[in-house]
Protein backbone atom coordinates (compact mmCIF):
# COMPACT_ATOMS: atom_id res chain seq x y z
CA MET A 1 -9.47 -22.67 -2.40
CA PHE A 2 -7.10 -24.79 -3.82
CA LYS A 3 -7.74 -23.40 -7.21
CA THR A 4 -7.77 -19.72 -5.56
CA VAL A 5 -4.39 -20.32 -4.56
CA LEU A 6 -3.23 -22.18 -7.52
CA VAL A 7 -4.86 -19.01 -9.98
CA GLY A 8 -2.74 -16.37 -7.45
CA LEU A 9 0.27 -18.40 -7.63
CA MET A 10 0.21 -18.62 -11.65
CA THR A 11 -0.64 -15.31 -11.56
CA PHE A 12 2.44 -14.06 -9.34
CA PHE A 13 4.70 -16.22 -11.36
CA LEU A 14 3.61 -15.15 -14.78
CA VAL A 15 3.27 -11.22 -14.03
CA SER A 16 6.93 -11.31 -12.16
CA GLY A 17 8.55 -13.29 -15.04
CA PHE A 18 6.78 -10.88 -17.45
CA PHE A 19 8.05 -7.52 -15.91
CA ILE A 20 11.38 -9.08 -15.20
CA GLY A 21 11.85 -10.41 -18.95
CA ILE A 22 10.82 -6.62 -19.86
CA GLY A 23 13.64 -5.07 -17.67
CA TYR A 24 16.01 -7.42 -18.97
CA MET A 25 14.91 -6.86 -22.76
CA PHE A 26 14.84 -3.08 -22.61
CA GLU A 27 18.05 -2.76 -19.87
CA ILE A 28 15.71 -1.20 -17.03
CA GLN A 29 16.92 -1.65 -13.58
CA SER A 30 14.22 -0.73 -11.74
CA LEU A 31 12.98 -4.45 -13.43
CA MET A 32 15.94 -6.00 -13.53
CA PHE A 33 16.75 -8.63 -10.66
CA SER A 34 20.01 -9.78 -9.63
CA PHE A 35 21.24 -11.43 -6.65
CA TYR A 36 24.98 -10.31 -6.77
CA GLU A 37 27.09 -8.86 -9.12
CA GLU A 38 31.42 -10.12 -9.21
CA THR A 39 33.36 -6.70 -9.50
CA PRO A 40 37.23 -6.25 -9.26
CA THR A 41 36.34 -5.24 -5.87
CA GLY A 42 34.79 -8.05 -4.80
CA PHE A 43 30.69 -8.82 -4.85
CA THR A 44 27.58 -6.67 -4.52
CA ALA A 45 24.63 -8.00 -3.78
CA GLY A 46 21.39 -5.97 -4.94
CA GLY A 47 18.41 -6.06 -7.32
CA SER A 48 15.06 -4.22 -7.57
CA VAL A 49 12.28 -6.03 -6.17
CA LEU A 50 9.91 -3.95 -8.14
CA SER A 51 8.73 -6.67 -10.29
CA PHE A 52 7.99 -9.21 -7.24
CA ILE A 53 5.80 -6.06 -5.50
CA ILE A 54 3.59 -5.83 -8.71
CA GLY A 55 3.07 -9.62 -8.99
CA LEU A 56 1.73 -9.89 -5.76
CA ILE A 57 -0.65 -7.17 -6.39
CA CYS A 58 -1.43 -8.56 -9.29
CA SER A 59 -1.97 -11.90 -7.62
CA PHE A 60 -4.06 -10.49 -4.59
CA VAL A 61 -6.21 -8.58 -6.68
CA VAL A 62 -6.95 -11.62 -9.51
CA GLY A 63 -7.16 -14.14 -6.75
CA ASN A 64 -9.63 -11.82 -4.78
CA PHE A 65 -11.79 -11.59 -8.16
CA TYR A 66 -11.64 -15.24 -9.04
CA GLN A 67 -12.78 -16.08 -5.65
CA ARG A 68 -15.84 -13.88 -5.58
CA LYS A 69 -16.43 -15.24 -9.22
CA VAL A 70 -16.57 -18.62 -7.90
CA SER A 71 -18.68 -17.83 -4.83
CA HIS A 72 -21.44 -16.57 -6.56
């Protein structure tokens, strides 16, 4: 069980980090994450969580695949 959780967490961090890196490298706003931006009128909070959603989905799929492979 511990290895399944570890594989899922590693998948989440790697996939999320990959998509966030792609977002910053090619300046794709939907893949970038920023907690706040400072503007002349104050600051705005925001950012896209699409990379984290993709990471969660991949982590779920890989975790289930790993669990089935270990069980059999």
